[in-house]
Amino acid sequence: MNRNAKRALVLALVIVVGMAFRVSWNALRDIAKAIGADNVAATLYPFVVDGLMALALVAALVLTDEARRFALRVLAGYTLASLVLNYVHGLLPELHAESIGWSRLAEGNLTNWALVLLATSLPVGSIYFGSDLVAKVLHHRPAIEPDKQESTHTPAYRSTPEQGEPPVEQPEPQEEVDSSPVAPVEARP
């Protein structure tokens, strides 16, 4: 894929993510207010949830192997959490009202308690998982991609197995031959 196509793809992704973030904004803000957040905290809450999803997506594009799988699990977990909170927001129109308060979600209903636990744990998870993802990205050492053209030059800093060349075979040890000087033997009559 050429460079312009990659840029167009990334731009399209940024636009889609931005639109999805805006659609999710009201639901997450209303959920934050319903669990007791003040206006500033409720306004920042969507950045905590959907923002970590964007961070995990970028990390998944950069990282490899187990670190990439970790980033994808964080992305999947926060996507699921955002989906659940957006779904609950759609099911409970009273959450849209400014008068809804902590007491409504904190009632004895087990479902409400689970939703409060989910909504209140996401900021703490964002700190933990976000910090871990950033550390993984900062310490990531990308694999050296081979040039598109074959090169006969072998870098001196790479070991033979890393170069893809067969290892040099060591000669098999041969039987030891005693090379010490031998004293002449006298003949006996």
N, C-alpha and C. Protein backbone atom coordinates (compact mmCIF):
# COMPACT_ATOMS: atom_id res chain seq x y z
N MET A 1 0.85 -1.16 0.00
CA MET A 1 0.00 0.00 0.00
C MET A 1 0.90 1.23 0.00
N ASN A 2 0.61 2.17 -0.87
CA ASN A 2 1.47 3.35 -0.96
C ASN A 2 1.18 4.33 0.19
N ARG A 3 2.05 5.30 0.33
CA ARG A 3 1.99 6.23 1.45
C ARG A 3 0.70 7.05 1.46
N ASN A 4 0.24 7.51 0.31
CA ASN A 4 -0.99 8.31 0.25
C ASN A 4 -2.20 7.49 0.66
N ALA A 5 -2.23 6.23 0.26
CA ALA A 5 -3.35 5.36 0.64
C ALA A 5 -3.35 5.12 2.15
N LYS A 6 -2.17 4.96 2.73
CA LYS A 6 -2.08 4.77 4.18
C LYS A 6 -2.56 6.02 4.92
N ARG A 7 -2.16 7.19 4.43
CA ARG A 7 -2.60 8.44 5.06
C ARG A 7 -4.11 8.59 4.97
N ALA A 8 -4.68 8.26 3.83
CA ALA A 8 -6.13 8.34 3.66
C ALA A 8 -6.85 7.38 4.61
N LEU A 9 -6.29 6.20 4.77
CA LEU A 9 -6.87 5.21 5.68
C LEU A 9 -6.83 5.71 7.13
N VAL A 10 -5.70 6.27 7.54
CA VAL A 10 -5.57 6.79 8.90
C VAL A 10 -6.52 7.97 9.10
N LEU A 11 -6.62 8.85 8.12
CA LEU A 11 -7.54 9.98 8.22
C LEU A 11 -8.98 9.50 8.35
N ALA A 12 -9.36 8.51 7.56
CA ALA A 12 -10.71 7.96 7.66
C ALA A 12 -10.96 7.37 9.04
N LEU A 13 -9.96 6.68 9.58
CA LEU A 13 -10.10 6.11 10.92
C LEU A 13 -10.29 7.21 11.96
N VAL A 14 -9.50 8.26 11.87
CA VAL A 14 -9.62 9.38 12.82
C VAL A 14 -11.01 10.01 12.73
N ILE A 15 -11.54 10.16 11.54
CA ILE A 15 -12.87 10.75 11.36
C ILE A 15 -13.94 9.85 11.98
N VAL A 16 -13.87 8.55 11.71
CA VAL A 16 -14.86 7.61 12.25
C VAL A 16 -14.78 7.57 13.78
N VAL A 17 -13.56 7.50 14.30
CA VAL A 17 -13.40 7.48 15.76
C VAL A 17 -13.92 8.77 16.37
N GLY A 18 -13.64 9.90 15.75
CA GLY A 18 -14.14 11.19 16.24
C GLY A 18 -15.66 11.25 16.26
N MET A 19 -16.29 10.76 15.20
CA MET A 19 -17.76 10.76 15.16
C MET A 19 -18.33 9.81 16.21
N ALA A 20 -17.73 8.63 16.36
CA ALA A 20 -18.21 7.67 17.36
C ALA A 20 -18.05 8.24 18.77
N PHE A 21 -16.95 8.95 19.00
CA PHE A 21 -16.72 9.57 20.30
C PHE A 21 -17.83 10.58 20.59
N ARG A 22 -18.17 11.37 19.59
CA ARG A 22 -19.22 12.38 19.79
C ARG A 22 -20.58 11.75 20.05
N VAL A 23 -20.89 10.67 19.36
CA VAL A 23 -22.16 9.99 19.57
C VAL A 23 -22.23 9.42 21.00
N SER A 24 -21.14 8.90 21.49
CA SER A 24 -21.09 8.29 22.81
C SER A 24 -21.01 9.32 23.94
N TRP A 25 -20.65 10.55 23.61
CA TRP A 25 -20.38 11.59 24.60
C TRP A 25 -21.53 11.80 25.59
N ASN A 26 -22.73 12.05 25.10
CA ASN A 26 -23.86 12.36 25.97
C ASN A 26 -24.17 11.20 26.93
N ALA A 27 -24.15 10.00 26.39
CA ALA A 27 -24.47 8.84 27.23
C ALA A 27 -23.47 8.71 28.38
N LEU A 28 -22.19 8.80 28.07
CA LEU A 28 -21.18 8.64 29.12
C LEU A 28 -21.22 9.80 30.11
N ARG A 29 -21.47 11.00 29.62
CA ARG A 29 -21.57 12.15 30.53
C ARG A 29 -22.77 11.99 31.47
N ASP A 30 -23.92 11.55 30.93
CA ASP A 30 -25.10 11.36 31.77
C ASP A 30 -24.89 10.23 32.78
N ILE A 31 -24.22 9.16 32.38
CA ILE A 31 -23.93 8.07 33.31
C ILE A 31 -23.03 8.59 34.43
N ALA A 32 -22.02 9.39 34.09
CA ALA A 32 -21.12 9.94 35.11
C ALA A 32 -21.89 10.81 36.10
N LYS A 33 -22.83 11.61 35.61
CA LYS A 33 -23.65 12.43 36.51
C LYS A 33 -24.51 11.54 37.40
N ALA A 34 -25.02 10.46 36.84
CA ALA A 34 -25.89 9.56 37.60
C ALA A 34 -25.15 8.83 38.71
N ILE A 35 -23.84 8.67 38.58
CA ILE A 35 -23.08 8.00 39.65
C ILE A 35 -22.44 9.00 40.61
N GLY A 36 -22.80 10.27 40.47
CA GLY A 36 -22.38 11.25 41.45
C GLY A 36 -21.28 12.19 41.02
N ALA A 37 -20.87 12.19 39.77
CA ALA A 37 -19.81 13.09 39.31
C ALA A 37 -20.34 14.51 39.18
N ASP A 38 -19.49 15.49 39.51
CA ASP A 38 -19.89 16.88 39.29
C ASP A 38 -19.81 17.20 37.80
N ASN A 39 -20.15 18.43 37.42
CA ASN A 39 -20.20 18.78 35.99
C ASN A 39 -18.87 18.63 35.28
N VAL A 40 -17.78 19.05 35.95
CA VAL A 40 -16.46 18.95 35.31
C VAL A 40 -16.07 17.48 35.14
N ALA A 41 -16.23 16.71 36.18
CA ALA A 41 -15.88 15.28 36.10
C ALA A 41 -16.74 14.56 35.07
N ALA A 42 -18.02 14.91 35.02
CA ALA A 42 -18.92 14.27 34.05
C ALA A 42 -18.52 14.64 32.62
N THR A 43 -18.05 15.86 32.42
CA THR A 43 -17.60 16.28 31.09
C THR A 43 -16.32 15.55 30.69
N LEU A 44 -15.45 15.27 31.65
CA LEU A 44 -14.20 14.57 31.35
C LEU A 44 -14.37 13.05 31.24
N TYR A 45 -15.41 12.52 31.82
CA TYR A 45 -15.62 11.07 31.87
C TYR A 45 -15.56 10.39 30.49
N PRO A 46 -16.16 10.95 29.44
CA PRO A 46 -16.06 10.30 28.13
C PRO A 46 -14.61 10.16 27.63
N PHE A 47 -13.75 11.12 28.01
CA PHE A 47 -12.33 11.01 27.63
C PHE A 47 -11.69 9.81 28.34
N VAL A 48 -12.13 9.55 29.55
CA VAL A 48 -11.58 8.45 30.34
C VAL A 48 -11.90 7.11 29.67
N VAL A 49 -13.12 6.93 29.26
CA VAL A 49 -13.55 5.65 28.70
C VAL A 49 -13.18 5.54 27.22
N ASP A 50 -13.76 6.40 26.41
CA ASP A 50 -13.52 6.31 24.96
C ASP A 50 -12.10 6.76 24.60
N GLY A 51 -11.52 7.64 25.41
CA GLY A 51 -10.14 8.06 25.17
C GLY A 51 -9.16 6.90 25.33
N LEU A 52 -9.40 6.06 26.33
CA LEU A 52 -8.53 4.90 26.51
C LEU A 52 -8.70 3.93 25.35
N MET A 53 -9.90 3.85 24.80
CA MET A 53 -10.10 2.99 23.63
C MET A 53 -9.22 3.47 22.47
N ALA A 54 -9.17 4.78 22.26
CA ALA A 54 -8.34 5.33 21.19
C ALA A 54 -6.86 5.06 21.47
N LEU A 55 -6.43 5.22 22.72
CA LEU A 55 -5.05 4.94 23.09
C LEU A 55 -4.70 3.47 22.86
N ALA A 56 -5.61 2.58 23.23
CA ALA A 56 -5.37 1.14 23.04
C ALA A 56 -5.31 0.79 21.55
N LEU A 57 -6.11 1.46 20.75
CA LEU A 57 -6.08 1.23 19.30
C LEU A 57 -4.73 1.62 18.71
N VAL A 58 -4.24 2.78 19.09
CA VAL A 58 -2.93 3.23 18.61
C VAL A 58 -1.83 2.28 19.09
N ALA A 59 -1.91 1.88 20.36
CA ALA A 59 -0.91 0.94 20.89
C ALA A 59 -0.94 -0.38 20.14
N ALA A 60 -2.13 -0.86 19.82
CA ALA A 60 -2.25 -2.13 19.08
C ALA A 60 -1.64 -2.01 17.68
N LEU A 61 -1.67 -0.84 17.09
CA LEU A 61 -1.07 -0.64 15.77
C LEU A 61 0.45 -0.59 15.84
N VAL A 62 0.99 -0.19 16.99
CA VAL A 62 2.44 -0.03 17.14
C VAL A 62 3.10 -1.29 17.68
N LEU A 63 2.47 -1.92 18.65
CA LEU A 63 3.09 -3.04 19.36
C LEU A 63 3.01 -4.35 18.57
N THR A 64 3.74 -5.34 19.03
CA THR A 64 3.74 -6.65 18.40
C THR A 64 3.60 -7.73 19.47
N ASP A 65 3.31 -8.91 19.04
CA ASP A 65 3.28 -10.12 19.88
C ASP A 65 2.36 -9.96 21.09
N GLU A 66 2.86 -10.34 22.28
CA GLU A 66 2.03 -10.34 23.49
C GLU A 66 1.59 -8.93 23.88
N ALA A 67 2.44 -7.94 23.68
CA ALA A 67 2.06 -6.56 24.01
C ALA A 67 0.89 -6.11 23.13
N ARG A 68 0.89 -6.52 21.88
CA ARG A 68 -0.22 -6.17 20.97
C ARG A 68 -1.50 -6.85 21.41
N ARG A 69 -1.40 -8.12 21.81
CA ARG A 69 -2.59 -8.83 22.29
C ARG A 69 -3.14 -8.16 23.55
N PHE A 70 -2.25 -7.68 24.42
CA PHE A 70 -2.70 -6.96 25.61
C PHE A 70 -3.46 -5.70 25.22
N ALA A 71 -2.91 -4.93 24.29
CA ALA A 71 -3.58 -3.70 23.83
C ALA A 71 -4.95 -4.02 23.22
N LEU A 72 -5.04 -5.10 22.48
CA LEU A 72 -6.32 -5.49 21.88
C LEU A 72 -7.32 -5.92 22.96
N ARG A 73 -6.85 -6.57 24.02
CA ARG A 73 -7.75 -6.95 25.12
C ARG A 73 -8.26 -5.71 25.85
N VAL A 74 -7.38 -4.73 26.07
CA VAL A 74 -7.82 -3.48 26.69
C VAL A 74 -8.85 -2.79 25.79
N LEU A 75 -8.57 -2.73 24.50
CA LEU A 75 -9.51 -2.13 23.55
C LEU A 75 -10.85 -2.85 23.59
N ALA A 76 -10.84 -4.17 23.58
CA ALA A 76 -12.09 -4.93 23.61
C ALA A 76 -12.84 -4.71 24.92
N GLY A 77 -12.12 -4.71 26.04
CA GLY A 77 -12.76 -4.52 27.34
C GLY A 77 -13.42 -3.16 27.48
N TYR A 78 -12.70 -2.12 27.09
CA TYR A 78 -13.27 -0.78 27.19
C TYR A 78 -14.36 -0.54 26.15
N THR A 79 -14.26 -1.17 25.01
CA THR A 79 -15.33 -1.07 24.02
C THR A 79 -16.60 -1.70 24.57
N LEU A 80 -16.46 -2.86 25.17
CA LEU A 80 -17.62 -3.54 25.77
C LEU A 80 -18.22 -2.70 26.90
N ALA A 81 -17.37 -2.13 27.75
CA ALA A 81 -17.87 -1.30 28.85
C ALA A 81 -18.61 -0.07 28.32
N SER A 82 -18.05 0.58 27.30
CA SER A 82 -18.72 1.75 26.71
C SER A 82 -20.04 1.34 26.08
N LEU A 83 -20.04 0.19 25.43
CA LEU A 83 -21.29 -0.31 24.82
C LEU A 83 -22.36 -0.54 25.87
N VAL A 84 -21.99 -1.17 26.98
CA VAL A 84 -22.95 -1.43 28.06
C VAL A 84 -23.50 -0.12 28.61
N LEU A 85 -22.62 0.84 28.87
CA LEU A 85 -23.08 2.12 29.43
C LEU A 85 -23.94 2.89 28.44
N ASN A 86 -23.59 2.86 27.16
CA ASN A 86 -24.43 3.51 26.15
C ASN A 86 -25.79 2.81 26.05
N TYR A 87 -25.81 1.50 26.16
CA TYR A 87 -27.05 0.72 26.10
C TYR A 87 -27.96 1.06 27.29
N VAL A 88 -27.37 1.10 28.48
CA VAL A 88 -28.15 1.45 29.67
C VAL A 88 -28.70 2.86 29.54
N HIS A 89 -27.91 3.76 29.01
CA HIS A 89 -28.37 5.14 28.82
C HIS A 89 -29.59 5.17 27.90
N GLY A 90 -29.57 4.35 26.86
CA GLY A 90 -30.72 4.29 25.95
C GLY A 90 -31.94 3.65 26.58
N LEU A 91 -31.73 2.68 27.48
CA LEU A 91 -32.85 1.99 28.13
C LEU A 91 -33.52 2.82 29.21
N LEU A 92 -32.78 3.69 29.85
CA LEU A 92 -33.30 4.46 30.97
C LEU A 92 -33.38 5.94 30.62
N PRO A 93 -34.49 6.36 30.04
CA PRO A 93 -34.61 7.77 29.65
C PRO A 93 -34.46 8.73 30.81
N GLU A 94 -34.75 8.26 32.03
CA GLU A 94 -34.61 9.16 33.18
C GLU A 94 -33.16 9.56 33.42
N LEU A 95 -32.20 8.81 32.87
CA LEU A 95 -30.80 9.20 32.99
C LEU A 95 -30.49 10.47 32.18
N HIS A 96 -31.33 10.77 31.21
CA HIS A 96 -31.12 11.94 30.36
C HIS A 96 -31.46 13.23 31.11
N ALA A 97 -32.26 13.12 32.15
CA ALA A 97 -32.70 14.31 32.89
C ALA A 97 -31.59 14.77 33.83
N GLU A 98 -31.54 16.05 34.03
CA GLU A 98 -30.53 16.64 34.93
C GLU A 98 -30.81 16.28 36.39
N SER A 99 -32.06 15.95 36.72
CA SER A 99 -32.41 15.72 38.13
C SER A 99 -32.04 14.32 38.62
N ILE A 100 -31.64 13.44 37.72
CA ILE A 100 -31.29 12.09 38.16
C ILE A 100 -30.07 12.18 39.07
N GLY A 101 -30.08 11.43 40.10
CA GLY A 101 -28.96 11.52 41.03
C GLY A 101 -28.42 10.15 41.40
N TRP A 102 -27.47 10.20 42.27
CA TRP A 102 -26.80 9.01 42.75
C TRP A 102 -27.79 8.03 43.37
N SER A 103 -28.79 8.54 44.05
CA SER A 103 -29.71 7.67 44.77
C SER A 103 -30.48 6.75 43.82
N ARG A 104 -30.77 7.18 42.62
CA ARG A 104 -31.53 6.35 41.67
C ARG A 104 -30.72 5.12 41.28
N LEU A 105 -29.44 5.26 40.95
CA LEU A 105 -28.64 4.11 40.56
C LEU A 105 -28.14 3.32 41.76
N ALA A 106 -28.11 3.94 42.93
CA ALA A 106 -27.59 3.25 44.10
C ALA A 106 -28.67 2.52 44.88
N GLU A 107 -29.87 2.43 44.33
CA GLU A 107 -30.94 1.68 44.99
C GLU A 107 -30.51 0.23 45.13
N GLY A 108 -31.27 -0.54 45.88
CA GLY A 108 -30.90 -1.91 46.20
C GLY A 108 -30.88 -2.88 45.03
N ASN A 109 -31.27 -2.49 43.86
CA ASN A 109 -31.30 -3.37 42.70
C ASN A 109 -29.88 -3.83 42.35
N LEU A 110 -29.68 -5.13 42.23
CA LEU A 110 -28.36 -5.69 41.94
C LEU A 110 -27.81 -5.19 40.59
N THR A 111 -28.68 -5.03 39.61
CA THR A 111 -28.24 -4.52 38.31
C THR A 111 -27.69 -3.11 38.44
N ASN A 112 -28.35 -2.29 39.22
CA ASN A 112 -27.87 -0.92 39.43
C ASN A 112 -26.50 -0.93 40.11
N TRP A 113 -26.33 -1.79 41.10
CA TRP A 113 -25.05 -1.87 41.78
C TRP A 113 -23.95 -2.29 40.81
N ALA A 114 -24.24 -3.23 39.92
CA ALA A 114 -23.25 -3.68 38.94
C ALA A 114 -22.89 -2.55 37.99
N LEU A 115 -23.89 -1.77 37.58
CA LEU A 115 -23.63 -0.64 36.68
C LEU A 115 -22.80 0.44 37.37
N VAL A 116 -23.10 0.70 38.64
CA VAL A 116 -22.32 1.68 39.39
C VAL A 116 -20.88 1.19 39.53
N LEU A 117 -20.71 -0.09 39.83
CA LEU A 117 -19.36 -0.65 39.94
C LEU A 117 -18.60 -0.52 38.62
N LEU A 118 -19.26 -0.85 37.52
CA LEU A 118 -18.63 -0.72 36.20
C LEU A 118 -18.25 0.73 35.93
N ALA A 119 -19.20 1.63 36.09
CA ALA A 119 -18.96 3.04 35.74
C ALA A 119 -17.89 3.67 36.62
N THR A 120 -17.84 3.30 37.90
CA THR A 120 -16.85 3.92 38.79
C THR A 120 -15.48 3.27 38.67
N SER A 121 -15.41 2.05 38.18
CA SER A 121 -14.10 1.39 38.05
C SER A 121 -13.37 1.78 36.76
N LEU A 122 -14.06 2.27 35.77
CA LEU A 122 -13.42 2.60 34.50
C LEU A 122 -12.35 3.69 34.62
N PRO A 123 -12.54 4.75 35.41
CA PRO A 123 -11.44 5.72 35.54
C PRO A 123 -10.18 5.12 36.16
N VAL A 124 -10.34 4.28 37.16
CA VAL A 124 -9.18 3.65 37.79
C VAL A 124 -8.50 2.72 36.78
N GLY A 125 -9.30 1.97 36.05
CA GLY A 125 -8.74 1.10 35.01
C GLY A 125 -8.03 1.89 33.92
N SER A 126 -8.55 3.05 33.60
CA SER A 126 -7.90 3.89 32.59
C SER A 126 -6.51 4.33 33.03
N ILE A 127 -6.38 4.66 34.30
CA ILE A 127 -5.06 5.04 34.81
C ILE A 127 -4.11 3.85 34.71
N TYR A 128 -4.56 2.71 35.18
CA TYR A 128 -3.70 1.52 35.20
C TYR A 128 -3.36 1.04 33.79
N PHE A 129 -4.38 0.78 33.00
CA PHE A 129 -4.14 0.23 31.66
C PHE A 129 -3.50 1.26 30.73
N GLY A 130 -3.91 2.52 30.86
CA GLY A 130 -3.32 3.56 30.03
C GLY A 130 -1.84 3.73 30.31
N SER A 131 -1.46 3.72 31.59
CA SER A 131 -0.04 3.83 31.94
C SER A 131 0.75 2.65 31.41
N ASP A 132 0.17 1.45 31.54
CA ASP A 132 0.87 0.25 31.07
C ASP A 132 1.03 0.28 29.55
N LEU A 133 -0.01 0.70 28.84
CA LEU A 133 0.09 0.78 27.37
C LEU A 133 1.14 1.79 26.93
N VAL A 134 1.15 2.94 27.57
CA VAL A 134 2.15 3.96 27.20
C VAL A 134 3.55 3.44 27.49
N ALA A 135 3.74 2.78 28.62
CA ALA A 135 5.06 2.22 28.94
C ALA A 135 5.47 1.17 27.91
N LYS A 136 4.54 0.33 27.51
CA LYS A 136 4.85 -0.69 26.49
C LYS A 136 5.24 -0.04 25.16
N VAL A 137 4.54 1.00 24.77
CA VAL A 137 4.85 1.68 23.51
C VAL A 137 6.21 2.37 23.60
N LEU A 138 6.48 3.03 24.73
CA LEU A 138 7.75 3.74 24.88
C LEU A 138 8.95 2.79 24.92
N HIS A 139 8.77 1.59 25.44
CA HIS A 139 9.86 0.63 25.53
C HIS A 139 9.88 -0.36 24.37
N HIS A 140 8.96 -0.20 23.44
CA HIS A 140 8.88 -1.11 22.29
C HIS A 140 10.05 -0.88 21.34
N ARG A 141 10.68 -1.95 20.94
CA ARG A 141 11.76 -1.89 19.96
C ARG A 141 11.27 -2.60 18.71
N PRO A 142 10.94 -1.83 17.67
CA PRO A 142 10.40 -2.46 16.46
C PRO A 142 11.43 -3.37 15.81
N ALA A 143 10.94 -4.42 15.21
CA ALA A 143 11.82 -5.35 14.50
C ALA A 143 12.41 -4.64 13.29
N ILE A 144 13.65 -4.96 13.00
CA ILE A 144 14.30 -4.37 11.83
C ILE A 144 13.76 -5.07 10.60
N GLU A 145 13.12 -4.31 9.75
CA GLU A 145 12.57 -4.89 8.53
C GLU A 145 13.67 -5.04 7.49
N PRO A 146 13.74 -6.20 6.85
CA PRO A 146 14.76 -6.37 5.81
C PRO A 146 14.47 -5.45 4.63
N ASP A 147 15.55 -5.02 4.00
CA ASP A 147 15.39 -4.17 2.82
C ASP A 147 14.68 -4.96 1.74
N LYS A 148 14.02 -4.25 0.86
CA LYS A 148 13.31 -4.92 -0.23
C LYS A 148 14.27 -5.54 -1.21
N GLN A 149 15.48 -5.01 -1.27
CA GLN A 149 16.49 -5.58 -2.15
C GLN A 149 17.45 -6.40 -1.31
N GLU A 150 17.86 -7.54 -1.84
CA GLU A 150 18.82 -8.38 -1.14
C GLU A 150 20.16 -7.66 -1.05
N SER A 151 20.77 -7.74 0.09
CA SER A 151 22.07 -7.11 0.28
C SER A 151 23.08 -8.20 0.61
N THR A 152 24.27 -8.06 0.06
CA THR A 152 25.32 -9.02 0.37
C THR A 152 26.10 -8.59 1.59
N HIS A 153 25.83 -7.39 2.08
CA HIS A 153 26.52 -6.87 3.25
C HIS A 153 25.90 -7.46 4.51
N THR A 154 26.72 -7.99 5.39
CA THR A 154 26.26 -8.53 6.66
C THR A 154 26.69 -7.58 7.76
N PRO A 155 25.72 -7.00 8.47
CA PRO A 155 26.10 -6.08 9.54
C PRO A 155 26.93 -6.80 10.60
N ALA A 156 27.95 -6.14 11.10
CA ALA A 156 28.86 -6.74 12.06
C ALA A 156 28.21 -6.92 13.43
N TYR A 157 27.17 -6.17 13.76
CA TYR A 157 26.59 -6.23 15.09
C TYR A 157 25.55 -7.33 15.24
N ARG A 158 25.26 -8.08 14.21
CA ARG A 158 24.26 -9.14 14.29
C ARG A 158 24.94 -10.50 14.37
N SER A 159 24.39 -11.37 15.18
CA SER A 159 24.95 -12.71 15.30
C SER A 159 24.55 -13.53 14.07
N THR A 160 25.23 -14.62 13.87
CA THR A 160 24.99 -15.45 12.68
C THR A 160 23.55 -15.95 12.61
N PRO A 161 22.94 -16.47 13.69
CA PRO A 161 21.55 -16.92 13.58
C PRO A 161 20.59 -15.79 13.23
N GLU A 162 20.84 -14.56 13.71
CA GLU A 162 19.97 -13.43 13.38
C GLU A 162 20.07 -13.05 11.91
N GLN A 163 21.19 -13.38 11.28
CA GLN A 163 21.41 -13.02 9.89
C GLN A 163 20.75 -14.02 8.95
N GLY A 164 20.27 -15.11 9.47
CA GLY A 164 19.60 -16.08 8.63
C GLY A 164 20.58 -17.00 7.90
N GLU A 165 21.84 -16.93 8.24
CA GLU A 165 22.83 -17.79 7.60
C GLU A 165 22.99 -19.04 8.44
N PRO A 166 23.32 -20.15 7.80
CA PRO A 166 23.54 -21.35 8.59
C PRO A 166 24.77 -21.19 9.47
N PRO A 167 24.73 -21.75 10.67
CA PRO A 167 25.89 -21.60 11.55
C PRO A 167 27.09 -22.35 10.99
N VAL A 168 28.27 -21.85 11.31
CA VAL A 168 29.51 -22.46 10.85
C VAL A 168 29.71 -23.74 11.64
N GLU A 169 29.96 -24.84 10.93
CA GLU A 169 30.15 -26.11 11.61
C GLU A 169 31.56 -26.19 12.16
N GLN A 170 31.66 -26.68 13.38
CA GLN A 170 32.95 -26.85 14.03
C GLN A 170 33.52 -28.21 13.61
N PRO A 171 34.82 -28.29 13.38
CA PRO A 171 35.39 -29.59 13.02
C PRO A 171 35.28 -30.55 14.18
N GLU A 172 35.04 -31.81 13.84
CA GLU A 172 34.93 -32.81 14.89
C GLU A 172 36.30 -33.07 15.48
N PRO A 173 36.36 -33.29 16.80
CA PRO A 173 37.67 -33.55 17.42
C PRO A 173 38.19 -34.92 16.97
N GLN A 174 39.49 -34.97 16.73
CA GLN A 174 40.11 -36.23 16.32
C GLN A 174 40.83 -36.82 17.51
N GLU A 175 41.18 -38.11 17.36
CA GLU A 175 41.88 -38.77 18.46
C GLU A 175 43.19 -38.06 18.71
N GLU A 176 43.53 -38.00 20.00
CA GLU A 176 44.77 -37.34 20.35
C GLU A 176 45.94 -38.26 20.01
N VAL A 177 46.94 -37.67 19.46
CA VAL A 177 48.17 -38.40 19.15
C VAL A 177 49.24 -37.90 20.08
N ASP A 178 49.92 -38.84 20.73
CA ASP A 178 50.97 -38.45 21.66
C ASP A 178 52.14 -37.92 20.86
N SER A 179 52.47 -36.68 21.03
CA SER A 179 53.55 -36.08 20.26
C SER A 179 54.79 -35.84 21.13
N SER A 180 54.84 -36.47 22.30
CA SER A 180 56.02 -36.28 23.16
C SER A 180 57.20 -37.06 22.56
N PRO A 181 58.40 -36.53 22.77
CA PRO A 181 59.56 -37.22 22.21
C PRO A 181 59.74 -38.60 22.84
N VAL A 182 60.09 -39.55 22.03
CA VAL A 182 60.27 -40.93 22.49
C VAL A 182 61.77 -41.20 22.62
N ALA A 183 62.16 -41.78 23.72
CA ALA A 183 63.58 -42.13 23.94
C ALA A 183 63.93 -43.34 23.09
N PRO A 184 65.12 -43.34 22.48
CA PRO A 184 65.48 -44.51 21.67
C PRO A 184 65.59 -45.76 22.53
N VAL A 185 65.19 -46.83 21.97
CA VAL A 185 65.22 -48.11 22.66
C VAL A 185 66.49 -48.84 22.24
N GLU A 186 67.27 -49.33 23.23
CA GLU A 186 68.49 -50.05 22.91
C GLU A 186 68.16 -51.53 22.68
N ALA A 187 68.85 -52.09 21.79
CA ALA A 187 68.65 -53.49 21.47
C ALA A 187 69.35 -54.36 22.52
N ARG A 188 68.84 -55.45 22.93
CA ARG A 188 69.44 -56.35 23.89
C ARG A 188 69.99 -57.57 23.19
N PRO A 189 71.16 -58.00 23.64
CA PRO A 189 71.74 -59.18 22.95
C PRO A 189 71.13 -60.46 23.35
